[in-house]
Amino acid sequence: MFTVIGIMFGGIAVGYLLRKFALLQKMGKTISYTILLLLFLLGISVGANEAIMDNLATLGGQALLIAVAGTAGSVLAAWGVYTLFFKERSRR
């Protein structure tokens, strides 16, 4: 896990240093398509895994609970940040 995080931060550093190059400015769509392709390939590998498919009801329920809890936490955090830092307060 630390390897993945290290690689990501390394990419951030390289992107920051090379941010003025025009090629990097045009890579947004390419990156989006690459991520979509990776998600599709992940779906294929999950569909081909018998252990996952046999336990899909149990895993799906847990995944739904985690997704709902994560989304609710993100919404609450965003609301808190908006309220604290961006919402204009009335001056009386």
PDB file of N, CA and C in Angstrom:
ATOM      1  N   MET A   1       0.818  -1.191   0.000  1.00  0.00           N
ATOM      2  CA  MET A   1       0.000   0.000   0.000  1.00  0.00           C
ATOM      3  C   MET A   1       0.866   1.262   0.000  1.00  0.00           C
ATOM      4  N   PHE A   2       1.943   1.217   0.774  1.00  0.00           N
ATOM      5  CA  PHE A   2       2.839   2.369   0.787  1.00  0.00           C
ATOM      6  C   PHE A   2       3.512   2.562  -0.561  1.00  0.00           C
ATOM      7  N   THR A   3       3.700   1.468  -1.282  1.00  0.00           N
ATOM      8  CA  THR A   3       4.283   1.559  -2.614  1.00  0.00           C
ATOM      9  C   THR A   3       3.350   2.333  -3.545  1.00  0.00           C
ATOM     10  N   VAL A   4       2.067   2.006  -3.498  1.00  0.00           N
ATOM     11  CA  VAL A   4       1.090   2.678  -4.353  1.00  0.00           C
ATOM     12  C   VAL A   4       1.016   4.161  -4.001  1.00  0.00           C
ATOM     13  N   ILE A   5       0.972   4.470  -2.713  1.00  0.00           N
ATOM     14  CA  ILE A   5       0.910   5.866  -2.286  1.00  0.00           C
ATOM     15  C   ILE A   5       2.191   6.600  -2.680  1.00  0.00           C
ATOM     16  N   GLY A   6       3.331   5.944  -2.537  1.00  0.00           N
ATOM     17  CA  GLY A   6       4.599   6.552  -2.944  1.00  0.00           C
ATOM     18  C   GLY A   6       4.653   6.831  -4.428  1.00  0.00           C
ATOM     19  N   ILE A   7       4.162   5.888  -5.227  1.00  0.00           N
ATOM     20  CA  ILE A   7       4.129   6.092  -6.676  1.00  0.00           C
ATOM     21  C   ILE A   7       3.203   7.249  -7.027  1.00  0.00           C
ATOM     22  N   MET A   8       2.059   7.343  -6.345  1.00  0.00           N
ATOM     23  CA  MET A   8       1.136   8.436  -6.613  1.00  0.00           C
ATOM     24  C   MET A   8       1.783   9.780  -6.282  1.00  0.00           C
ATOM     25  N   PHE A   9       2.424   9.889  -5.130  1.00  0.00           N
ATOM     26  CA  PHE A   9       3.076  11.146  -4.769  1.00  0.00           C
ATOM     27  C   PHE A   9       4.251  11.456  -5.699  1.00  0.00           C
ATOM     28  N   GLY A  10       4.947  10.412  -6.159  1.00  0.00           N
ATOM     29  CA  GLY A  10       5.997  10.627  -7.150  1.00  0.00           C
ATOM     30  C   GLY A  10       5.432  11.191  -8.441  1.00  0.00           C
ATOM     31  N   GLY A  11       4.277  10.662  -8.870  1.00  0.00           N
ATOM     32  CA  GLY A  11       3.613  11.177 -10.061  1.00  0.00           C
ATOM     33  C   GLY A  11       3.157  12.614  -9.886  1.00  0.00           C
ATOM     34  N   ILE A  12       2.677  12.927  -8.687  1.00  0.00           N
ATOM     35  CA  ILE A  12       2.272  14.310  -8.408  1.00  0.00           C
ATOM     36  C   ILE A  12       3.472  15.241  -8.526  1.00  0.00           C
ATOM     37  N   ALA A  13       4.608  14.821  -7.961  1.00  0.00           N
ATOM     38  CA  ALA A  13       5.815  15.656  -8.014  1.00  0.00           C
ATOM     39  C   ALA A  13       6.281  15.858  -9.457  1.00  0.00           C
ATOM     40  N   VAL A  14       6.297  14.787 -10.244  1.00  0.00           N
ATOM     41  CA  VAL A  14       6.729  14.895 -11.636  1.00  0.00           C
ATOM     42  C   VAL A  14       5.745  15.762 -12.418  1.00  0.00           C
ATOM     43  N   GLY A  15       4.443  15.575 -12.182  1.00  0.00           N
ATOM     44  CA  GLY A  15       3.444  16.400 -12.853  1.00  0.00           C
ATOM     45  C   GLY A  15       3.591  17.869 -12.501  1.00  0.00           C
ATOM     46  N   TYR A  16       3.922  18.149 -11.249  1.00  0.00           N
ATOM     47  CA  TYR A  16       4.125  19.539 -10.833  1.00  0.00           C
ATOM     48  C   TYR A  16       5.335  20.153 -11.530  1.00  0.00           C
ATOM     49  N   LEU A  17       6.406  19.377 -11.622  1.00  0.00           N
ATOM     50  CA  LEU A  17       7.618  19.885 -12.262  1.00  0.00           C
ATOM     51  C   LEU A  17       7.442  20.075 -13.769  1.00  0.00           C
ATOM     52  N   LEU A  18       6.614  19.242 -14.397  1.00  0.00           N
ATOM     53  CA  LEU A  18       6.435  19.291 -15.852  1.00  0.00           C
ATOM     54  C   LEU A  18       5.114  19.928 -16.256  1.00  0.00           C
ATOM     55  N   ARG A  19       4.488  20.692 -15.384  1.00  0.00           N
ATOM     56  CA  ARG A  19       3.157  21.231 -15.641  1.00  0.00           C
ATOM     57  C   ARG A  19       3.097  22.229 -16.786  1.00  0.00           C
ATOM     58  N   LYS A  20       4.207  22.779 -17.197  1.00  0.00           N
ATOM     59  CA  LYS A  20       4.202  23.781 -18.265  1.00  0.00           C
ATOM     60  C   LYS A  20       4.226  23.153 -19.663  1.00  0.00           C
ATOM     61  N   PHE A  21       4.485  21.855 -19.758  1.00  0.00           N
ATOM     62  CA  PHE A  21       4.533  21.193 -21.057  1.00  0.00           C
ATOM     63  C   PHE A  21       3.122  21.042 -21.621  1.00  0.00           C
ATOM     64  N   ALA A  22       2.963  21.366 -22.911  1.00  0.00           N
ATOM     65  CA  ALA A  22       1.646  21.335 -23.555  1.00  0.00           C
ATOM     66  C   ALA A  22       1.080  19.922 -23.617  1.00  0.00           C
ATOM     67  N   LEU A  23       1.939  18.918 -23.747  1.00  0.00           N
ATOM     68  CA  LEU A  23       1.464  17.538 -23.835  1.00  0.00           C
ATOM     69  C   LEU A  23       0.705  17.135 -22.578  1.00  0.00           C
ATOM     70  N   LEU A  24       1.188  17.544 -21.430  1.00  0.00           N
ATOM     71  CA  LEU A  24       0.510  17.196 -20.188  1.00  0.00           C
ATOM     72  C   LEU A  24      -0.844  17.892 -20.054  1.00  0.00           C
ATOM     73  N   GLN A  25      -0.985  19.041 -20.684  1.00  0.00           N
ATOM     74  CA  GLN A  25      -2.254  19.759 -20.636  1.00  0.00           C
ATOM     75  C   GLN A  25      -3.341  19.032 -21.434  1.00  0.00           C
ATOM     76  N   LYS A  26      -2.948  18.221 -22.409  1.00  0.00           N
ATOM     77  CA  LYS A  26      -3.888  17.541 -23.289  1.00  0.00           C
ATOM     78  C   LYS A  26      -4.160  16.103 -22.876  1.00  0.00           C
ATOM     79  N   MET A  27      -3.648  15.661 -21.752  1.00  0.00           N
ATOM     80  CA  MET A  27      -3.776  14.262 -21.352  1.00  0.00           C
ATOM     81  C   MET A  27      -5.043  13.950 -20.567  1.00  0.00           C
ATOM     82  N   GLY A  28      -5.867  14.928 -20.255  1.00  0.00           N
ATOM     83  CA  GLY A  28      -7.051  14.712 -19.433  1.00  0.00           C
ATOM     84  C   GLY A  28      -8.001  13.676 -19.987  1.00  0.00           C
ATOM     85  N   LYS A  29      -8.341  13.784 -21.274  1.00  0.00           N
ATOM     86  CA  LYS A  29      -9.258  12.823 -21.891  1.00  0.00           C
ATOM     87  C   LYS A  29      -8.637  11.437 -21.961  1.00  0.00           C
ATOM     88  N   THR A  30      -7.368  11.371 -22.267  1.00  0.00           N
ATOM     89  CA  THR A  30      -6.684  10.080 -22.349  1.00  0.00           C
ATOM     90  C   THR A  30      -6.709   9.383 -21.001  1.00  0.00           C
ATOM     91  N   ILE A  31      -6.473  10.126 -19.943  1.00  0.00           N
ATOM     92  CA  ILE A  31      -6.489   9.545 -18.602  1.00  0.00           C
ATOM     93  C   ILE A  31      -7.890   9.048 -18.259  1.00  0.00           C
ATOM     94  N   SER A  32      -8.913   9.803 -18.614  1.00  0.00           N
ATOM     95  CA  SER A  32     -10.293   9.383 -18.336  1.00  0.00           C
ATOM     96  C   SER A  32     -10.619   8.083 -19.057  1.00  0.00           C
ATOM     97  N   TYR A  33     -10.248   7.981 -20.334  1.00  0.00           N
ATOM     98  CA  TYR A  33     -10.499   6.742 -21.078  1.00  0.00           C
ATOM     99  C   TYR A  33      -9.712   5.571 -20.512  1.00  0.00           C
ATOM    100  N   THR A  34      -8.499   5.828 -20.050  1.00  0.00           N
ATOM    101  CA  THR A  34      -7.688   4.766 -19.457  1.00  0.00           C
ATOM    102  C   THR A  34      -8.325   4.262 -18.169  1.00  0.00           C
ATOM    103  N   ILE A  35      -8.836   5.164 -17.352  1.00  0.00           N
ATOM    104  CA  ILE A  35      -9.501   4.761 -16.116  1.00  0.00           C
ATOM    105  C   ILE A  35     -10.757   3.952 -16.425  1.00  0.00           C
ATOM    106  N   LEU A  36     -11.528   4.370 -17.424  1.00  0.00           N
ATOM    107  CA  LEU A  36     -12.716   3.607 -17.806  1.00  0.00           C
ATOM    108  C   LEU A  36     -12.341   2.207 -18.289  1.00  0.00           C
ATOM    109  N   LEU A  37     -11.269   2.100 -19.058  1.00  0.00           N
ATOM    110  CA  LEU A  37     -10.815   0.794 -19.522  1.00  0.00           C
ATOM    111  C   LEU A  37     -10.392  -0.077 -18.339  1.00  0.00           C
ATOM    112  N   LEU A  38      -9.675   0.491 -17.388  1.00  0.00           N
ATOM    113  CA  LEU A  38      -9.256  -0.271 -16.211  1.00  0.00           C
ATOM    114  C   LEU A  38     -10.457  -0.738 -15.388  1.00  0.00           C
ATOM    115  N   LEU A  39     -11.478   0.104 -15.260  1.00  0.00           N
ATOM    116  CA  LEU A  39     -12.680  -0.301 -14.538  1.00  0.00           C
ATOM    117  C   LEU A  39     -13.404  -1.434 -15.266  1.00  0.00           C
ATOM    118  N   PHE A  40     -13.439  -1.363 -16.591  1.00  0.00           N
ATOM    119  CA  PHE A  40     -14.053  -2.436 -17.372  1.00  0.00           C
ATOM    120  C   PHE A  40     -13.295  -3.749 -17.178  1.00  0.00           C
ATOM    121  N   LEU A  41     -11.979  -3.690 -17.222  1.00  0.00           N
ATOM    122  CA  LEU A  41     -11.166  -4.896 -17.020  1.00  0.00           C
ATOM    123  C   LEU A  41     -11.321  -5.439 -15.603  1.00  0.00           C
ATOM    124  N   LEU A  42     -11.460  -4.556 -14.619  1.00  0.00           N
ATOM    125  CA  LEU A  42     -11.715  -5.001 -13.256  1.00  0.00           C
ATOM    126  C   LEU A  42     -13.054  -5.726 -13.181  1.00  0.00           C
ATOM    127  N   GLY A  43     -14.062  -5.209 -13.867  1.00  0.00           N
ATOM    128  CA  GLY A  43     -15.364  -5.871 -13.907  1.00  0.00           C
ATOM    129  C   GLY A  43     -15.277  -7.259 -14.530  1.00  0.00           C
ATOM    130  N   ILE A  44     -14.486  -7.395 -15.572  1.00  0.00           N
ATOM    131  CA  ILE A  44     -14.303  -8.704 -16.198  1.00  0.00           C
ATOM    132  C   ILE A  44     -13.657  -9.679 -15.225  1.00  0.00           C
ATOM    133  N   SER A  45     -12.630  -9.228 -14.515  1.00  0.00           N
ATOM    134  CA  SER A  45     -11.947 -10.132 -13.578  1.00  0.00           C
ATOM    135  C   SER A  45     -12.848 -10.493 -12.403  1.00  0.00           C
ATOM    136  N   VAL A  46     -13.682  -9.574 -11.941  1.00  0.00           N
ATOM    137  CA  VAL A  46     -14.618  -9.894 -10.856  1.00  0.00           C
ATOM    138  C   VAL A  46     -15.667 -10.882 -11.363  1.00  0.00           C
ATOM    139  N   GLY A  47     -16.189 -10.664 -12.558  1.00  0.00           N
ATOM    140  CA  GLY A  47     -17.177 -11.581 -13.123  1.00  0.00           C
ATOM    141  C   GLY A  47     -16.636 -12.974 -13.360  1.00  0.00           C
ATOM    142  N   ALA A  48     -15.354 -13.102 -13.625  1.00  0.00           N
ATOM    143  CA  ALA A  48     -14.739 -14.400 -13.869  1.00  0.00           C
ATOM    144  C   ALA A  48     -14.350 -15.117 -12.584  1.00  0.00           C
ATOM    145  N   ASN A  49     -14.343 -14.427 -11.457  1.00  0.00           N
ATOM    146  CA  ASN A  49     -13.947 -15.018 -10.180  1.00  0.00           C
ATOM    147  C   ASN A  49     -15.148 -15.719  -9.556  1.00  0.00           C
ATOM    148  N   GLU A  50     -15.099 -17.054  -9.465  1.00  0.00           N
ATOM    149  CA  GLU A  50     -16.235 -17.827  -8.952  1.00  0.00           C
ATOM    150  C   GLU A  50     -16.497 -17.555  -7.483  1.00  0.00           C
ATOM    151  N   ALA A  51     -15.449 -17.350  -6.693  1.00  0.00           N
ATOM    152  CA  ALA A  51     -15.640 -17.098  -5.263  1.00  0.00           C
ATOM    153  C   ALA A  51     -16.417 -15.804  -5.034  1.00  0.00           C
ATOM    154  N   ILE A  52     -16.117 -14.802  -5.806  1.00  0.00           N
ATOM    155  CA  ILE A  52     -16.840 -13.534  -5.667  1.00  0.00           C
ATOM    156  C   ILE A  52     -18.269 -13.687  -6.160  1.00  0.00           C
ATOM    157  N   MET A  53     -18.461 -14.329  -7.287  1.00  0.00           N
ATOM    158  CA  MET A  53     -19.799 -14.470  -7.849  1.00  0.00           C
ATOM    159  C   MET A  53     -20.690 -15.332  -6.962  1.00  0.00           C
ATOM    160  N   ASP A  54     -20.129 -16.364  -6.310  1.00  0.00           N
ATOM    161  CA  ASP A  54     -20.920 -17.216  -5.416  1.00  0.00           C
ATOM    162  C   ASP A  54     -21.354 -16.477  -4.159  1.00  0.00           C
ATOM    163  N   ASN A  55     -20.567 -15.515  -3.706  1.00  0.00           N
ATOM    164  CA  ASN A  55     -20.878 -14.762  -2.493  1.00  0.00           C
ATOM    165  C   ASN A  55     -21.310 -13.339  -2.787  1.00  0.00           C
ATOM    166  N   LEU A  56     -21.839 -13.112  -3.972  1.00  0.00           N
ATOM    167  CA  LEU A  56     -22.177 -11.754  -4.395  1.00  0.00           C
ATOM    168  C   LEU A  56     -23.239 -11.112  -3.506  1.00  0.00           C
ATOM    169  N   ALA A  57     -24.209 -11.878  -3.040  1.00  0.00           N
ATOM    170  CA  ALA A  57     -25.262 -11.308  -2.192  1.00  0.00           C
ATOM    171  C   ALA A  57     -24.672 -10.768  -0.893  1.00  0.00           C
ATOM    172  N   THR A  58     -23.809 -11.539  -0.255  1.00  0.00           N
ATOM    173  CA  THR A  58     -23.185 -11.089   0.996  1.00  0.00           C
ATOM    174  C   THR A  58     -22.237  -9.936   0.739  1.00  0.00           C
ATOM    175  N   LEU A  59     -21.369 -10.087  -0.255  1.00  0.00           N
ATOM    176  CA  LEU A  59     -20.403  -9.035  -0.561  1.00  0.00           C
ATOM    177  C   LEU A  59     -21.090  -7.772  -1.063  1.00  0.00           C
ATOM    178  N   GLY A  60     -22.149  -7.940  -1.838  1.00  0.00           N
ATOM    179  CA  GLY A  60     -22.872  -6.788  -2.363  1.00  0.00           C
ATOM    180  C   GLY A  60     -23.527  -5.972  -1.264  1.00  0.00           C
ATOM    181  N   GLY A  61     -24.099  -6.657  -0.271  1.00  0.00           N
ATOM    182  CA  GLY A  61     -24.707  -5.948   0.852  1.00  0.00           C
ATOM    183  C   GLY A  61     -23.677  -5.167   1.647  1.00  0.00           C
ATOM    184  N   GLN A  62     -22.542  -5.794   1.895  1.00  0.00           N
ATOM    185  CA  GLN A  62     -21.472  -5.106   2.625  1.00  0.00           C
ATOM    186  C   GLN A  62     -20.930  -3.937   1.810  1.00  0.00           C
ATOM    187  N   ALA A  63     -20.754  -4.137   0.520  1.00  0.00           N
ATOM    188  CA  ALA A  63     -20.256  -3.061  -0.344  1.00  0.00           C
ATOM    189  C   ALA A  63     -21.239  -1.902  -0.387  1.00  0.00           C
ATOM    190  N   LEU A  64     -22.539  -2.211  -0.445  1.00  0.00           N
ATOM    191  CA  LEU A  64     -23.554  -1.159  -0.447  1.00  0.00           C
ATOM    192  C   LEU A  64     -23.509  -0.361   0.852  1.00  0.00           C
ATOM    193  N   LEU A  65     -23.383  -1.052   1.974  1.00  0.00           N
ATOM    194  CA  LEU A  65     -23.304  -0.372   3.264  1.00  0.00           C
ATOM    195  C   LEU A  65     -22.073   0.530   3.339  1.00  0.00           C
ATOM    196  N   ILE A  66     -20.941   0.036   2.897  1.00  0.00           N
ATOM    197  CA  ILE A  66     -19.706   0.836   2.906  1.00  0.00           C
ATOM    198  C   ILE A  66     -19.840   2.042   1.976  1.00  0.00           C
ATOM    199  N   ALA A  67     -20.429   1.834   0.785  1.00  0.00           N
ATOM    200  CA  ALA A  67     -20.591   2.929  -0.170  1.00  0.00           C
ATOM    201  C   ALA A  67     -21.524   4.007   0.375  1.00  0.00           C
ATOM    202  N   VAL A  68     -22.632   3.593   0.984  1.00  0.00           N
ATOM    203  CA  VAL A  68     -23.581   4.563   1.542  1.00  0.00           C
ATOM    204  C   VAL A  68     -22.944   5.320   2.703  1.00  0.00           C
ATOM    205  N   ALA A  69     -22.239   4.606   3.577  1.00  0.00           N
ATOM    206  CA  ALA A  69     -21.591   5.264   4.712  1.00  0.00           C
ATOM    207  C   ALA A  69     -20.492   6.223   4.239  1.00  0.00           C
ATOM    208  N   GLY A  70     -19.724   5.820   3.249  1.00  0.00           N
ATOM    209  CA  GLY A  70     -18.675   6.688   2.714  1.00  0.00           C
ATOM    210  C   GLY A  70     -19.243   7.927   2.044  1.00  0.00           C
ATOM    211  N   THR A  71     -20.319   7.755   1.290  1.00  0.00           N
ATOM    212  CA  THR A  71     -20.959   8.891   0.636  1.00  0.00           C
ATOM    213  C   THR A  71     -21.563   9.840   1.665  1.00  0.00           C
ATOM    214  N   ALA A  72     -22.232   9.288   2.667  1.00  0.00           N
ATOM    215  CA  ALA A  72     -22.829  10.132   3.708  1.00  0.00           C
ATOM    216  C   ALA A  72     -21.748  10.902   4.466  1.00  0.00           C
ATOM    217  N   GLY A  73     -20.654  10.244   4.776  1.00  0.00           N
ATOM    218  CA  GLY A  73     -19.555  10.930   5.454  1.00  0.00           C
ATOM    219  C   GLY A  73     -18.954  12.033   4.603  1.00  0.00           C
ATOM    220  N   SER A  74     -18.806  11.797   3.317  1.00  0.00           N
ATOM    221  CA  SER A  74     -18.269  12.814   2.415  1.00  0.00           C
ATOM    222  C   SER A  74     -19.206  14.010   2.297  1.00  0.00           C
ATOM    223  N   VAL A  75     -20.502  13.737   2.203  1.00  0.00           N
ATOM    224  CA  VAL A  75     -21.480  14.826   2.115  1.00  0.00           C
ATOM    225  C   VAL A  75     -21.467  15.653   3.395  1.00  0.00           C
ATOM    226  N   LEU A  76     -21.432  14.982   4.535  1.00  0.00           N
ATOM    227  CA  LEU A  76     -21.390  15.715   5.812  1.00  0.00           C
ATOM    228  C   LEU A  76     -20.115  16.542   5.942  1.00  0.00           C
ATOM    229  N   ALA A  77     -18.986  15.969   5.546  1.00  0.00           N
ATOM    230  CA  ALA A  77     -17.724  16.715   5.614  1.00  0.00           C
ATOM    231  C   ALA A  77     -17.744  17.910   4.667  1.00  0.00           C
ATOM    232  N   ALA A  78     -18.257  17.726   3.453  1.00  0.00           N
ATOM    233  CA  ALA A  78     -18.339  18.834   2.496  1.00  0.00           C
ATOM    234  C   ALA A  78     -19.261  19.927   3.016  1.00  0.00           C
ATOM    235  N   TRP A  79     -20.387  19.541   3.618  1.00  0.00           N
ATOM    236  CA  TRP A  79     -21.301  20.523   4.183  1.00  0.00           C
ATOM    237  C   TRP A  79     -20.618  21.302   5.312  1.00  0.00           C
ATOM    238  N   GLY A  80     -19.875  20.590   6.161  1.00  0.00           N
ATOM    239  CA  GLY A  80     -19.165  21.254   7.246  1.00  0.00           C
ATOM    240  C   GLY A  80     -18.119  22.235   6.742  1.00  0.00           C
ATOM    241  N   VAL A  81     -17.352  21.843   5.738  1.00  0.00           N
ATOM    242  CA  VAL A  81     -16.337  22.738   5.164  1.00  0.00           C
ATOM    243  C   VAL A  81     -17.001  23.940   4.520  1.00  0.00           C
ATOM    244  N   TYR A  82     -18.091  23.717   3.791  1.00  0.00           N
ATOM    245  CA  TYR A  82     -18.811  24.828   3.160  1.00  0.00           C
ATOM    246  C   TYR A  82     -19.332  25.799   4.217  1.00  0.00           C
ATOM    247  N   THR A  83     -19.926  25.248   5.267  1.00  0.00           N
ATOM    248  CA  THR A  83     -20.490  26.097   6.317  1.00  0.00           C
ATOM    249  C   THR A  83     -19.407  26.898   7.028  1.00  0.00           C
ATOM    250  N   LEU A  84     -18.278  26.268   7.310  1.00  0.00           N
ATOM    251  CA  LEU A  84     -17.221  26.945   8.055  1.00  0.00           C
ATOM    252  C   LEU A  84     -16.445  27.957   7.223  1.00  0.00           C
ATOM    253  N   PHE A  85     -16.181  27.643   5.964  1.00  0.00           N
ATOM    254  CA  PHE A  85     -15.238  28.445   5.194  1.00  0.00           C
ATOM    255  C   PHE A  85     -15.840  29.245   4.031  1.00  0.00           C
ATOM    256  N   PHE A  86     -16.944  28.805   3.459  1.00  0.00           N
ATOM    257  CA  PHE A  86     -17.414  29.426   2.233  1.00  0.00           C
ATOM    258  C   PHE A  86     -18.756  30.127   2.347  1.00  0.00           C
ATOM    259  N   LYS A  87     -19.546  29.771   3.301  1.00  0.00           N
ATOM    260  CA  LYS A  87     -20.859  30.386   3.434  1.00  0.00           C
ATOM    261  C   LYS A  87     -20.702  31.788   4.003  1.00  0.00           C
ATOM    262  N   GLU A  88     -21.347  32.747   3.342  1.00  0.00           N
ATOM    263  CA  GLU A  88     -21.258  34.123   3.822  1.00  0.00           C
ATOM    264  C   GLU A  88     -22.113  34.277   5.066  1.00  0.00           C
ATOM    265  N   ARG A  89     -21.521  34.883   6.036  1.00  0.00           N
ATOM    266  CA  ARG A  89     -22.238  35.119   7.284  1.00  0.00           C
ATOM    267  C   ARG A  89     -22.866  36.514   7.231  1.00  0.00           C
ATOM    268  N   SER A  90     -24.039  36.614   7.768  1.00  0.00           N
ATOM    269  CA  SER A  90     -24.691  37.935   7.772  1.00  0.00           C
ATOM    270  C   SER A  90     -23.991  38.831   8.781  1.00  0.00           C
ATOM    271  N   ARG A  91     -23.739  40.051   8.359  1.00  0.00           N
ATOM    272  CA  ARG A  91     -23.058  41.016   9.221  1.00  0.00           C
ATOM    273  C   ARG A  91     -24.096  41.988   9.780  1.00  0.00           C
ATOM    274  N   ARG A  92     -24.275  41.952  11.054  1.00  0.00           N
ATOM    275  CA  ARG A  92     -25.278  42.824  11.682  1.00  0.00           C
ATOM    276  C   ARG A  92     -24.624  43.869  12.514  1.00  0.00           C
TER     277      ARG A  92
END
